[in-house]
Amino acid sequence: MRAVRFLHVPIENSEVTLLDVGCGRGDFLVRSQYCGYLATGIDFDPETIDIANKRGMKAKVSEIQDLPEDVKYDVISLSHVIEHVKDPIAMLREIHLRLKVGGYFYIATPNFNSAGRETFGKYWRGCDVPRHFHFFNMEQLESILKDVGFSRVERAYDLPQGLICIRSSLRLKYASGVSISTLIKEFRVLVNKKFLSPNRLDISVFRCFRDS
């Protein structure tokens, strides 16, 4: 099975701990556990945590700042969560604090400078107002991650996530249906805005490392 969220499959018999912040129903926990991780999830929603636990996952209702500082993880994942929190920088600092030296942090969030956002405007799936409190472009988020303390910050090219966002935006804009000619027109606009280039993708994805 392909490793998920750009994570390497652990060496056999190794104990690699993973924390998924904002784990929801535990879908990623299931996949990461299948890949060989010792996966734990936290979320603020007791209903989704209950579902995750019933699926056999190790998950609990908690915020990252409530976890013990002396418990460190090899991998921490934050997928489409940071845009929902009121103090994203504080959250990132709490995550950095709980990541082992040599550890790996994955983060994904909508890219405000994307071709999709410029094309679809208020119908862009990444807006999701009022559920999204913050919007980041890639350069801004990369700078924040470095300021928080991650020694290496790498952009990841995740075309599938970007295409999913575009598809959702089309459905929002054309809720009653869309013609083939309109689809072609929208596609041409996206091509002109270079929606396939790394900096123009609808979703920003970063791999971050803590080396000290």
N, C-alpha and C. Protein backbone atom coordinates (compact mmCIF):
# COMPACT_ATOMS: atom_id res chain seq x y z
N MET A 1 0.84 -1.21 0.00
CA MET A 1 0.00 0.00 0.00
C MET A 1 0.87 1.26 0.00
N ARG A 2 0.50 2.24 -0.79
CA ARG A 2 1.24 3.50 -0.83
C ARG A 2 1.13 4.22 0.49
N ALA A 3 2.28 4.71 0.99
CA ALA A 3 2.26 5.50 2.22
C ALA A 3 1.41 6.74 2.02
N VAL A 4 0.69 7.17 3.03
CA VAL A 4 -0.23 8.28 2.90
C VAL A 4 0.38 9.56 3.46
N ARG A 5 -0.09 10.68 2.92
CA ARG A 5 0.37 12.00 3.34
C ARG A 5 1.89 12.12 3.29
N PHE A 6 2.50 11.52 2.25
CA PHE A 6 3.93 11.63 2.03
C PHE A 6 4.76 11.03 3.16
N LEU A 7 4.20 10.12 3.91
CA LEU A 7 4.92 9.47 5.00
C LEU A 7 5.57 8.19 4.50
N HIS A 8 6.77 7.94 4.98
CA HIS A 8 7.45 6.70 4.64
C HIS A 8 6.84 5.54 5.42
N VAL A 9 6.84 4.37 4.82
CA VAL A 9 6.39 3.17 5.54
C VAL A 9 7.49 2.79 6.53
N PRO A 10 7.17 2.65 7.81
CA PRO A 10 8.19 2.33 8.81
C PRO A 10 8.89 1.00 8.53
N ILE A 11 10.13 0.91 8.98
CA ILE A 11 10.86 -0.35 8.88
C ILE A 11 10.13 -1.39 9.71
N GLU A 12 10.10 -2.61 9.22
CA GLU A 12 9.39 -3.69 9.91
C GLU A 12 9.88 -3.82 11.35
N ASN A 13 8.94 -3.96 12.26
CA ASN A 13 9.19 -4.14 13.70
C ASN A 13 9.64 -2.86 14.40
N SER A 14 9.73 -1.76 13.69
CA SER A 14 10.06 -0.49 14.35
C SER A 14 8.80 0.11 14.95
N GLU A 15 8.97 0.89 15.99
CA GLU A 15 7.84 1.53 16.65
C GLU A 15 7.90 3.02 16.37
N VAL A 16 7.17 3.43 15.36
CA VAL A 16 7.16 4.83 14.94
C VAL A 16 5.83 5.43 15.36
N THR A 17 5.88 6.43 16.24
CA THR A 17 4.65 7.02 16.77
C THR A 17 4.18 8.15 15.88
N LEU A 18 2.87 8.24 15.73
CA LEU A 18 2.25 9.27 14.89
C LEU A 18 1.08 9.88 15.62
N LEU A 19 1.00 11.20 15.58
CA LEU A 19 -0.13 11.93 16.15
C LEU A 19 -0.84 12.68 15.04
N ASP A 20 -2.13 12.41 14.89
CA ASP A 20 -2.93 13.14 13.91
C ASP A 20 -3.79 14.15 14.66
N VAL A 21 -3.48 15.43 14.47
CA VAL A 21 -4.19 16.51 15.15
C VAL A 21 -5.41 16.90 14.30
N GLY A 22 -6.59 16.76 14.90
CA GLY A 22 -7.83 16.97 14.16
C GLY A 22 -8.18 15.72 13.37
N CYS A 23 -8.16 14.59 14.06
CA CYS A 23 -8.28 13.29 13.39
C CYS A 23 -9.69 12.97 12.91
N GLY A 24 -10.70 13.69 13.41
CA GLY A 24 -12.07 13.42 12.97
C GLY A 24 -12.49 11.99 13.23
N ARG A 25 -13.05 11.34 12.22
CA ARG A 25 -13.57 9.99 12.35
C ARG A 25 -12.47 8.92 12.33
N GLY A 26 -11.25 9.35 12.12
CA GLY A 26 -10.14 8.40 12.17
C GLY A 26 -9.74 7.77 10.85
N ASP A 27 -10.17 8.35 9.72
CA ASP A 27 -9.84 7.76 8.42
C ASP A 27 -8.33 7.67 8.22
N PHE A 28 -7.62 8.75 8.52
CA PHE A 28 -6.17 8.73 8.35
C PHE A 28 -5.50 7.81 9.37
N LEU A 29 -6.06 7.73 10.56
CA LEU A 29 -5.51 6.82 11.56
C LEU A 29 -5.55 5.38 11.06
N VAL A 30 -6.66 5.02 10.43
CA VAL A 30 -6.79 3.66 9.90
C VAL A 30 -5.71 3.39 8.86
N ARG A 31 -5.52 4.35 7.94
CA ARG A 31 -4.54 4.15 6.87
C ARG A 31 -3.11 4.14 7.40
N SER A 32 -2.81 5.05 8.33
CA SER A 32 -1.45 5.10 8.86
C SER A 32 -1.15 3.87 9.70
N GLN A 33 -2.13 3.37 10.43
CA GLN A 33 -1.92 2.15 11.20
C GLN A 33 -1.66 0.97 10.26
N TYR A 34 -2.37 0.95 9.15
CA TYR A 34 -2.16 -0.10 8.16
C TYR A 34 -0.74 -0.05 7.60
N CYS A 35 -0.20 1.18 7.48
CA CYS A 35 1.16 1.34 6.97
C CYS A 35 2.21 0.99 8.01
N GLY A 36 1.81 0.81 9.26
CA GLY A 36 2.76 0.38 10.28
C GLY A 36 3.05 1.36 11.39
N TYR A 37 2.32 2.46 11.44
CA TYR A 37 2.55 3.45 12.49
C TYR A 37 1.77 3.11 13.76
N LEU A 38 2.32 3.53 14.89
CA LEU A 38 1.58 3.49 16.15
C LEU A 38 0.83 4.82 16.23
N ALA A 39 -0.39 4.81 15.76
CA ALA A 39 -1.12 6.06 15.51
C ALA A 39 -2.04 6.44 16.65
N THR A 40 -2.03 7.72 16.97
CA THR A 40 -2.92 8.31 17.97
C THR A 40 -3.57 9.55 17.35
N GLY A 41 -4.83 9.80 17.68
CA GLY A 41 -5.49 10.98 17.16
C GLY A 41 -6.14 11.80 18.24
N ILE A 42 -6.22 13.10 18.01
CA ILE A 42 -6.95 13.99 18.92
C ILE A 42 -7.89 14.87 18.10
N ASP A 43 -8.99 15.25 18.71
CA ASP A 43 -9.96 16.13 18.06
C ASP A 43 -10.81 16.75 19.16
N PHE A 44 -11.40 17.91 18.86
CA PHE A 44 -12.24 18.57 19.86
C PHE A 44 -13.66 18.03 19.87
N ASP A 45 -14.04 17.27 18.84
CA ASP A 45 -15.41 16.80 18.68
C ASP A 45 -15.59 15.40 19.27
N PRO A 46 -16.32 15.28 20.37
CA PRO A 46 -16.49 13.96 21.01
C PRO A 46 -17.23 12.95 20.13
N GLU A 47 -18.11 13.42 19.26
CA GLU A 47 -18.85 12.49 18.40
C GLU A 47 -17.93 11.80 17.39
N THR A 48 -17.05 12.57 16.78
CA THR A 48 -16.13 11.96 15.82
C THR A 48 -15.10 11.07 16.52
N ILE A 49 -14.68 11.48 17.71
CA ILE A 49 -13.75 10.65 18.48
C ILE A 49 -14.40 9.32 18.85
N ASP A 50 -15.66 9.36 19.19
CA ASP A 50 -16.39 8.13 19.51
C ASP A 50 -16.41 7.19 18.30
N ILE A 51 -16.60 7.75 17.12
CA ILE A 51 -16.59 6.94 15.90
C ILE A 51 -15.20 6.33 15.68
N ALA A 52 -14.17 7.14 15.86
CA ALA A 52 -12.80 6.64 15.68
C ALA A 52 -12.49 5.51 16.65
N ASN A 53 -12.92 5.66 17.90
CA ASN A 53 -12.67 4.62 18.89
C ASN A 53 -13.42 3.34 18.56
N LYS A 54 -14.63 3.47 18.05
CA LYS A 54 -15.41 2.29 17.68
C LYS A 54 -14.79 1.56 16.49
N ARG A 55 -13.99 2.28 15.72
CA ARG A 55 -13.28 1.66 14.60
C ARG A 55 -11.98 1.01 15.05
N GLY A 56 -11.74 1.07 16.35
CA GLY A 56 -10.54 0.44 16.91
C GLY A 56 -9.33 1.34 16.96
N MET A 57 -9.53 2.63 16.72
CA MET A 57 -8.42 3.56 16.73
C MET A 57 -8.18 4.13 18.13
N LYS A 58 -6.95 4.54 18.39
CA LYS A 58 -6.60 5.19 19.64
C LYS A 58 -6.78 6.69 19.46
N ALA A 59 -7.86 7.23 20.00
CA ALA A 59 -8.16 8.65 19.81
C ALA A 59 -8.86 9.19 21.04
N LYS A 60 -8.68 10.49 21.28
CA LYS A 60 -9.32 11.10 22.45
C LYS A 60 -9.65 12.56 22.18
N VAL A 61 -10.58 13.07 22.97
CA VAL A 61 -10.95 14.48 22.88
C VAL A 61 -9.87 15.30 23.58
N SER A 62 -9.19 16.14 22.83
CA SER A 62 -8.10 16.93 23.40
C SER A 62 -7.66 17.99 22.41
N GLU A 63 -7.04 19.04 22.93
CA GLU A 63 -6.35 20.03 22.12
C GLU A 63 -4.86 19.76 22.24
N ILE A 64 -4.08 20.17 21.25
CA ILE A 64 -2.66 19.88 21.25
C ILE A 64 -1.96 20.45 22.48
N GLN A 65 -2.38 21.61 22.95
CA GLN A 65 -1.72 22.23 24.09
C GLN A 65 -2.00 21.49 25.40
N ASP A 66 -3.01 20.61 25.40
CA ASP A 66 -3.34 19.86 26.61
C ASP A 66 -2.55 18.56 26.73
N LEU A 67 -1.82 18.18 25.70
CA LEU A 67 -1.02 16.96 25.75
C LEU A 67 0.26 17.20 26.54
N PRO A 68 0.77 16.19 27.23
CA PRO A 68 2.02 16.35 28.00
C PRO A 68 3.17 16.77 27.10
N GLU A 69 3.95 17.75 27.55
CA GLU A 69 5.06 18.23 26.74
C GLU A 69 6.20 17.23 26.64
N ASP A 70 6.28 16.31 27.62
CA ASP A 70 7.38 15.35 27.61
C ASP A 70 7.09 14.12 26.75
N VAL A 71 5.90 14.04 26.18
CA VAL A 71 5.58 12.94 25.26
C VAL A 71 5.79 13.44 23.83
N LYS A 72 6.79 12.86 23.16
CA LYS A 72 7.15 13.31 21.82
C LYS A 72 6.74 12.26 20.78
N TYR A 73 6.52 12.73 19.56
CA TYR A 73 6.09 11.85 18.48
C TYR A 73 7.09 11.91 17.32
N ASP A 74 7.20 10.78 16.63
CA ASP A 74 8.07 10.73 15.45
C ASP A 74 7.45 11.50 14.28
N VAL A 75 6.13 11.45 14.20
CA VAL A 75 5.41 12.10 13.10
C VAL A 75 4.17 12.80 13.66
N ILE A 76 3.92 14.01 13.20
CA ILE A 76 2.67 14.71 13.54
C ILE A 76 2.05 15.18 12.23
N SER A 77 0.74 15.00 12.12
CA SER A 77 0.01 15.37 10.92
C SER A 77 -1.07 16.39 11.24
N LEU A 78 -1.17 17.42 10.41
CA LEU A 78 -2.17 18.48 10.58
C LEU A 78 -2.76 18.77 9.20
N SER A 79 -3.82 18.07 8.85
CA SER A 79 -4.37 18.18 7.51
C SER A 79 -5.69 18.94 7.52
N HIS A 80 -5.69 20.12 6.90
CA HIS A 80 -6.88 20.96 6.78
C HIS A 80 -7.51 21.25 8.14
N VAL A 81 -6.64 21.68 9.04
CA VAL A 81 -7.06 22.03 10.40
C VAL A 81 -6.67 23.46 10.73
N ILE A 82 -5.47 23.87 10.33
CA ILE A 82 -4.92 25.14 10.79
C ILE A 82 -5.79 26.33 10.38
N GLU A 83 -6.51 26.20 9.27
CA GLU A 83 -7.38 27.30 8.82
C GLU A 83 -8.60 27.48 9.71
N HIS A 84 -8.86 26.49 10.58
CA HIS A 84 -10.04 26.52 11.45
C HIS A 84 -9.75 27.08 12.85
N VAL A 85 -8.48 27.21 13.22
CA VAL A 85 -8.15 27.60 14.59
C VAL A 85 -7.93 29.10 14.70
N LYS A 86 -8.15 29.64 15.89
CA LYS A 86 -8.06 31.09 16.08
C LYS A 86 -6.62 31.58 16.18
N ASP A 87 -5.70 30.72 16.68
CA ASP A 87 -4.30 31.12 16.82
C ASP A 87 -3.41 30.06 16.18
N PRO A 88 -3.25 30.10 14.85
CA PRO A 88 -2.50 29.05 14.16
C PRO A 88 -1.02 28.99 14.54
N ILE A 89 -0.42 30.15 14.81
CA ILE A 89 1.00 30.15 15.16
C ILE A 89 1.21 29.46 16.51
N ALA A 90 0.33 29.71 17.45
CA ALA A 90 0.42 29.03 18.75
C ALA A 90 0.29 27.53 18.59
N MET A 91 -0.62 27.10 17.73
CA MET A 91 -0.79 25.66 17.48
C MET A 91 0.49 25.05 16.90
N LEU A 92 1.09 25.73 15.93
CA LEU A 92 2.31 25.22 15.32
C LEU A 92 3.44 25.12 16.33
N ARG A 93 3.52 26.07 17.24
CA ARG A 93 4.55 26.00 18.28
C ARG A 93 4.33 24.81 19.21
N GLU A 94 3.08 24.55 19.54
CA GLU A 94 2.76 23.40 20.38
C GLU A 94 3.12 22.09 19.66
N ILE A 95 2.89 22.05 18.37
CA ILE A 95 3.24 20.86 17.59
C ILE A 95 4.75 20.68 17.54
N HIS A 96 5.48 21.76 17.27
CA HIS A 96 6.94 21.68 17.22
C HIS A 96 7.50 21.18 18.55
N LEU A 97 6.90 21.61 19.63
CA LEU A 97 7.36 21.22 20.97
C LEU A 97 7.20 19.72 21.20
N ARG A 98 6.22 19.11 20.56
CA ARG A 98 5.91 17.69 20.81
C ARG A 98 6.44 16.77 19.71
N LEU A 99 7.23 17.33 18.81
CA LEU A 99 7.84 16.51 17.77
C LEU A 99 9.25 16.13 18.18
N LYS A 100 9.59 14.86 18.02
CA LYS A 100 10.92 14.39 18.37
C LYS A 100 11.97 15.05 17.48
N VAL A 101 13.18 15.19 18.01
CA VAL A 101 14.31 15.60 17.18
C VAL A 101 14.50 14.52 16.11
N GLY A 102 14.58 14.95 14.88
CA GLY A 102 14.62 14.01 13.78
C GLY A 102 13.24 13.66 13.27
N GLY A 103 12.21 14.27 13.87
CA GLY A 103 10.83 13.97 13.51
C GLY A 103 10.37 14.71 12.27
N TYR A 104 9.16 14.38 11.89
CA TYR A 104 8.59 14.82 10.62
C TYR A 104 7.19 15.37 10.86
N PHE A 105 6.89 16.54 10.28
CA PHE A 105 5.59 17.17 10.41
C PHE A 105 4.99 17.41 9.03
N TYR A 106 3.74 16.99 8.86
CA TYR A 106 3.01 17.18 7.61
C TYR A 106 1.89 18.19 7.84
N ILE A 107 1.75 19.15 6.92
CA ILE A 107 0.66 20.11 7.03
C ILE A 107 0.08 20.39 5.64
N ALA A 108 -1.24 20.49 5.58
CA ALA A 108 -1.93 20.84 4.34
C ALA A 108 -3.03 21.84 4.66
N THR A 109 -3.18 22.84 3.78
CA THR A 109 -4.20 23.87 3.96
C THR A 109 -4.45 24.54 2.61
N PRO A 110 -5.61 25.15 2.39
CA PRO A 110 -5.86 25.83 1.12
C PRO A 110 -4.84 26.93 0.83
N ASN A 111 -4.48 27.06 -0.43
CA ASN A 111 -3.52 28.07 -0.89
C ASN A 111 -4.27 29.28 -1.42
N PHE A 112 -4.20 30.40 -0.72
CA PHE A 112 -4.98 31.58 -1.08
C PHE A 112 -4.54 32.19 -2.41
N ASN A 113 -3.31 31.94 -2.81
CA ASN A 113 -2.82 32.48 -4.08
C ASN A 113 -2.99 31.49 -5.23
N SER A 114 -3.88 30.53 -5.06
CA SER A 114 -4.05 29.50 -6.07
C SER A 114 -4.81 30.02 -7.29
N ALA A 115 -4.63 29.32 -8.39
CA ALA A 115 -5.39 29.64 -9.60
C ALA A 115 -6.87 29.39 -9.38
N GLY A 116 -7.20 28.37 -8.59
CA GLY A 116 -8.60 28.07 -8.32
C GLY A 116 -9.30 29.18 -7.57
N ARG A 117 -8.63 29.76 -6.59
CA ARG A 117 -9.25 30.85 -5.82
C ARG A 117 -9.48 32.06 -6.70
N GLU A 118 -8.52 32.38 -7.56
CA GLU A 118 -8.67 33.52 -8.45
C GLU A 118 -9.75 33.27 -9.50
N THR A 119 -9.95 32.03 -9.86
CA THR A 119 -10.93 31.69 -10.89
C THR A 119 -12.35 31.63 -10.34
N PHE A 120 -12.52 31.01 -9.18
CA PHE A 120 -13.87 30.75 -8.66
C PHE A 120 -14.36 31.77 -7.64
N GLY A 121 -13.45 32.60 -7.11
CA GLY A 121 -13.88 33.65 -6.18
C GLY A 121 -14.62 33.09 -4.98
N LYS A 122 -15.83 33.59 -4.74
CA LYS A 122 -16.60 33.18 -3.57
C LYS A 122 -17.01 31.71 -3.62
N TYR A 123 -16.91 31.09 -4.78
CA TYR A 123 -17.28 29.68 -4.90
C TYR A 123 -16.08 28.75 -4.68
N TRP A 124 -14.93 29.34 -4.42
CA TRP A 124 -13.75 28.51 -4.20
C TRP A 124 -13.92 27.68 -2.93
N ARG A 125 -13.71 26.40 -3.06
CA ARG A 125 -13.93 25.48 -1.92
C ARG A 125 -13.04 25.81 -0.73
N GLY A 126 -11.89 26.42 -0.99
CA GLY A 126 -10.97 26.73 0.10
C GLY A 126 -11.44 27.86 0.99
N CYS A 127 -12.43 28.64 0.55
CA CYS A 127 -12.92 29.76 1.39
C CYS A 127 -13.67 29.23 2.61
N ASP A 128 -14.75 28.56 2.37
CA ASP A 128 -15.55 27.92 3.42
C ASP A 128 -15.82 28.86 4.60
N VAL A 129 -16.19 30.09 4.30
CA VAL A 129 -16.55 31.06 5.34
C VAL A 129 -17.92 30.69 5.91
N PRO A 130 -18.12 30.75 7.24
CA PRO A 130 -17.23 31.28 8.28
C PRO A 130 -16.41 30.21 8.99
N ARG A 131 -16.35 28.99 8.49
CA ARG A 131 -15.63 27.93 9.17
C ARG A 131 -14.13 28.14 9.13
N HIS A 132 -13.63 28.80 8.09
CA HIS A 132 -12.20 29.08 7.98
C HIS A 132 -11.90 30.48 8.51
N PHE A 133 -11.05 30.53 9.51
CA PHE A 133 -10.67 31.81 10.12
C PHE A 133 -9.47 32.46 9.44
N HIS A 134 -8.60 31.63 8.88
CA HIS A 134 -7.34 32.15 8.32
C HIS A 134 -7.09 31.59 6.94
N PHE A 135 -6.40 32.39 6.12
CA PHE A 135 -6.01 31.97 4.78
C PHE A 135 -4.52 32.24 4.61
N PHE A 136 -3.83 31.30 3.99
CA PHE A 136 -2.38 31.39 3.82
C PHE A 136 -2.01 31.18 2.36
N ASN A 137 -1.00 31.93 1.90
CA ASN A 137 -0.38 31.55 0.64
C ASN A 137 0.87 30.74 0.98
N MET A 138 1.48 30.14 -0.02
CA MET A 138 2.59 29.24 0.24
C MET A 138 3.79 29.94 0.86
N GLU A 139 4.12 31.12 0.34
CA GLU A 139 5.28 31.85 0.85
C GLU A 139 5.07 32.24 2.31
N GLN A 140 3.88 32.71 2.63
CA GLN A 140 3.59 33.12 4.00
C GLN A 140 3.66 31.94 4.96
N LEU A 141 3.06 30.82 4.58
CA LEU A 141 3.05 29.66 5.46
C LEU A 141 4.46 29.09 5.63
N GLU A 142 5.22 29.07 4.56
CA GLU A 142 6.60 28.58 4.67
C GLU A 142 7.41 29.42 5.65
N SER A 143 7.24 30.74 5.58
CA SER A 143 7.93 31.64 6.50
C SER A 143 7.52 31.40 7.95
N ILE A 144 6.22 31.20 8.18
CA ILE A 144 5.72 30.94 9.53
C ILE A 144 6.31 29.64 10.08
N LEU A 145 6.34 28.60 9.26
CA LEU A 145 6.88 27.31 9.71
C LEU A 145 8.35 27.42 10.10
N LYS A 146 9.11 28.19 9.35
CA LYS A 146 10.52 28.39 9.69
C LYS A 146 10.67 29.21 10.97
N ASP A 147 9.83 30.23 11.12
CA ASP A 147 9.89 31.07 12.32
C ASP A 147 9.53 30.28 13.58
N VAL A 148 8.63 29.33 13.44
CA VAL A 148 8.22 28.50 14.57
C VAL A 148 9.37 27.63 15.05
N GLY A 149 10.28 27.25 14.15
CA GLY A 149 11.44 26.48 14.57
C GLY A 149 11.78 25.27 13.75
N PHE A 150 10.99 24.98 12.71
CA PHE A 150 11.31 23.82 11.88
C PHE A 150 12.56 24.12 11.06
N SER A 151 13.54 23.25 11.16
CA SER A 151 14.84 23.50 10.55
C SER A 151 14.83 23.31 9.04
N ARG A 152 13.99 22.40 8.57
CA ARG A 152 13.84 22.18 7.13
C ARG A 152 12.36 22.19 6.77
N VAL A 153 12.01 22.98 5.78
CA VAL A 153 10.62 23.09 5.34
C VAL A 153 10.61 22.86 3.83
N GLU A 154 9.92 21.80 3.39
CA GLU A 154 9.90 21.44 1.98
C GLU A 154 8.47 21.48 1.44
N ARG A 155 8.28 22.10 0.30
CA ARG A 155 6.97 22.08 -0.35
C ARG A 155 6.78 20.74 -1.07
N ALA A 156 5.59 20.21 -0.97
CA ALA A 156 5.27 18.96 -1.65
C ALA A 156 4.26 19.24 -2.75
N TYR A 157 4.47 18.64 -3.90
CA TYR A 157 3.57 18.81 -5.04
C TYR A 157 2.48 17.75 -4.94
N ASP A 158 1.29 18.16 -4.53
CA ASP A 158 0.18 17.23 -4.34
C ASP A 158 -0.95 17.59 -5.30
N LEU A 159 -0.82 17.14 -6.54
CA LEU A 159 -1.80 17.45 -7.56
C LEU A 159 -3.19 16.90 -7.24
N PRO A 160 -3.31 15.66 -6.74
CA PRO A 160 -4.66 15.12 -6.46
C PRO A 160 -5.49 16.01 -5.53
N GLN A 161 -4.87 16.53 -4.45
CA GLN A 161 -5.62 17.40 -3.55
C GLN A 161 -6.08 18.67 -4.26
N GLY A 162 -5.22 19.23 -5.10
CA GLY A 162 -5.59 20.43 -5.82
C GLY A 162 -6.75 20.20 -6.77
N LEU A 163 -6.75 19.08 -7.45
CA LEU A 163 -7.83 18.76 -8.38
C LEU A 163 -9.14 18.50 -7.66
N ILE A 164 -9.06 17.89 -6.49
CA ILE A 164 -10.27 17.66 -5.69
C ILE A 164 -10.91 18.99 -5.30
N CYS A 165 -10.06 19.97 -4.93
CA CYS A 165 -10.57 21.29 -4.55
C CYS A 165 -11.23 21.97 -5.74
N ILE A 166 -10.62 21.86 -6.91
CA ILE A 166 -11.20 22.46 -8.12
C ILE A 166 -12.54 21.81 -8.44
N ARG A 167 -12.61 20.51 -8.35
CA ARG A 167 -13.87 19.79 -8.62
C ARG A 167 -14.96 20.26 -7.66
N SER A 168 -14.61 20.41 -6.37
CA SER A 168 -15.60 20.87 -5.39
C SER A 168 -16.03 22.30 -5.68
N SER A 169 -15.11 23.13 -6.13
CA SER A 169 -15.43 24.52 -6.47
C SER A 169 -16.40 24.59 -7.65
N LEU A 170 -16.18 23.73 -8.63
CA LEU A 170 -17.09 23.68 -9.77
C LEU A 170 -18.50 23.29 -9.33
N ARG A 171 -18.58 22.34 -8.42
CA ARG A 171 -19.89 21.90 -7.93
C ARG A 171 -20.59 23.00 -7.16
N LEU A 172 -19.82 23.81 -6.42
CA LEU A 172 -20.42 24.92 -5.68
C LEU A 172 -20.92 26.00 -6.64
N LYS A 173 -20.14 26.29 -7.66
CA LYS A 173 -20.49 27.37 -8.59
C LYS A 173 -21.65 26.97 -9.49
N TYR A 174 -21.69 25.69 -9.87
CA TYR A 174 -22.72 25.22 -10.78
C TYR A 174 -23.54 24.12 -10.10
N ALA A 175 -24.18 24.49 -9.02
CA ALA A 175 -24.93 23.52 -8.22
C ALA A 175 -26.06 22.87 -8.99
N SER A 176 -26.62 23.59 -9.96
CA SER A 176 -27.74 23.06 -10.72
C SER A 176 -27.31 22.30 -11.96
N GLY A 177 -26.00 22.22 -12.17
CA GLY A 177 -25.50 21.50 -13.34
C GLY A 177 -24.66 22.39 -14.22
N VAL A 178 -23.75 21.81 -14.99
CA VAL A 178 -22.85 22.58 -15.82
C VAL A 178 -22.73 21.91 -17.19
N SER A 179 -22.68 22.72 -18.22
CA SER A 179 -22.57 22.19 -19.59
C SER A 179 -21.11 21.90 -19.93
N ILE A 180 -20.92 21.11 -20.97
CA ILE A 180 -19.57 20.78 -21.42
C ILE A 180 -18.83 22.05 -21.88
N SER A 181 -19.54 22.92 -22.57
CA SER A 181 -18.91 24.16 -23.05
C SER A 181 -18.44 25.03 -21.89
N THR A 182 -19.23 25.08 -20.82
CA THR A 182 -18.83 25.86 -19.64
C THR A 182 -17.62 25.23 -18.97
N LEU A 183 -17.60 23.91 -18.89
CA LEU A 183 -16.44 23.23 -18.30
C LEU A 183 -15.17 23.53 -19.09
N ILE A 184 -15.29 23.52 -20.40
CA ILE A 184 -14.13 23.81 -21.24
C ILE A 184 -13.65 25.24 -21.01
N LYS A 185 -14.61 26.15 -20.89
CA LYS A 185 -14.26 27.55 -20.65
C LYS A 185 -13.54 27.72 -19.32
N GLU A 186 -14.05 27.09 -18.26
CA GLU A 186 -13.41 27.17 -16.94
C GLU A 186 -12.03 26.54 -16.99
N PHE A 187 -11.90 25.44 -17.70
CA PHE A 187 -10.61 24.76 -17.80
C PHE A 187 -9.59 25.66 -18.50
N ARG A 188 -10.02 26.35 -19.53
CA ARG A 188 -9.10 27.25 -20.23
C ARG A 188 -8.63 28.38 -19.32
N VAL A 189 -9.53 28.89 -18.51
CA VAL A 189 -9.15 29.94 -17.55
C VAL A 189 -8.11 29.42 -16.57
N LEU A 190 -8.35 28.20 -16.06
CA LEU A 190 -7.41 27.60 -15.12
C LEU A 190 -6.04 27.37 -15.76
N VAL A 191 -6.04 26.93 -17.00
CA VAL A 191 -4.78 26.71 -17.72
C VAL A 191 -4.03 28.03 -17.87
N ASN A 192 -4.74 29.09 -18.22
CA ASN A 192 -4.11 30.41 -18.36
C ASN A 192 -3.53 30.91 -17.05
N LYS A 193 -4.13 30.50 -15.96
CA LYS A 193 -3.65 30.91 -14.64
C LYS A 193 -2.63 29.91 -14.07
N LYS A 194 -2.23 28.93 -14.88
CA LYS A 194 -1.19 27.96 -14.53
C LYS A 194 -1.55 27.16 -13.27
N PHE A 195 -2.75 26.59 -13.28
CA PHE A 195 -3.23 25.89 -12.08
C PHE A 195 -2.46 24.62 -11.77
N LEU A 196 -1.62 24.15 -12.70
CA LEU A 196 -0.84 22.94 -12.45
C LEU A 196 0.57 23.23 -11.94
N SER A 197 0.96 24.49 -11.91
CA SER A 197 2.30 24.82 -11.44
C SER A 197 2.34 24.72 -9.91
N PRO A 198 3.50 24.41 -9.33
CA PRO A 198 3.60 24.16 -7.88
C PRO A 198 3.04 25.27 -7.01
N ASN A 199 3.29 26.52 -7.34
CA ASN A 199 2.84 27.63 -6.50
C ASN A 199 1.39 28.02 -6.73
N ARG A 200 0.75 27.42 -7.74
CA ARG A 200 -0.61 27.80 -8.08
C ARG A 200 -1.63 26.72 -7.72
N LEU A 201 -1.16 25.62 -7.16
CA LEU A 201 -2.07 24.56 -6.73
C LEU A 201 -3.02 25.07 -5.66
N ASP A 202 -4.20 24.49 -5.58
CA ASP A 202 -5.21 24.96 -4.63
C ASP A 202 -4.90 24.58 -3.19
N ILE A 203 -4.06 23.58 -2.99
CA ILE A 203 -3.73 23.14 -1.64
C ILE A 203 -2.23 23.27 -1.40
N SER A 204 -1.84 23.96 -0.32
CA SER A 204 -0.44 24.04 0.09
C SER A 204 -0.12 22.83 0.95
N VAL A 205 0.94 22.13 0.61
CA VAL A 205 1.38 20.96 1.38
C VAL A 205 2.86 21.13 1.69
N PHE A 206 3.20 20.95 2.98
CA PHE A 206 4.59 21.07 3.39
C PHE A 206 5.02 19.86 4.21
N ARG A 207 6.27 19.48 4.03
CA ARG A 207 6.92 18.49 4.87
C ARG A 207 7.97 19.23 5.68
N CYS A 208 7.87 19.15 6.98
CA CYS A 208 8.74 19.91 7.87
C CYS A 208 9.49 18.96 8.79
N PHE A 209 10.75 19.32 9.11
CA PHE A 209 11.59 18.46 9.91
C PHE A 209 12.16 19.23 11.09
N ARG A 210 12.31 18.50 12.20
CA ARG A 210 12.97 19.08 13.36
C ARG A 210 14.30 18.37 13.56
N ASP A 211 15.38 19.09 13.29
CA ASP A 211 16.72 18.48 13.35
C ASP A 211 17.43 18.75 14.67
N SER A 212 16.86 19.60 15.50
CA SER A 212 17.52 19.87 16.79
C SER A 212 16.48 20.35 17.80
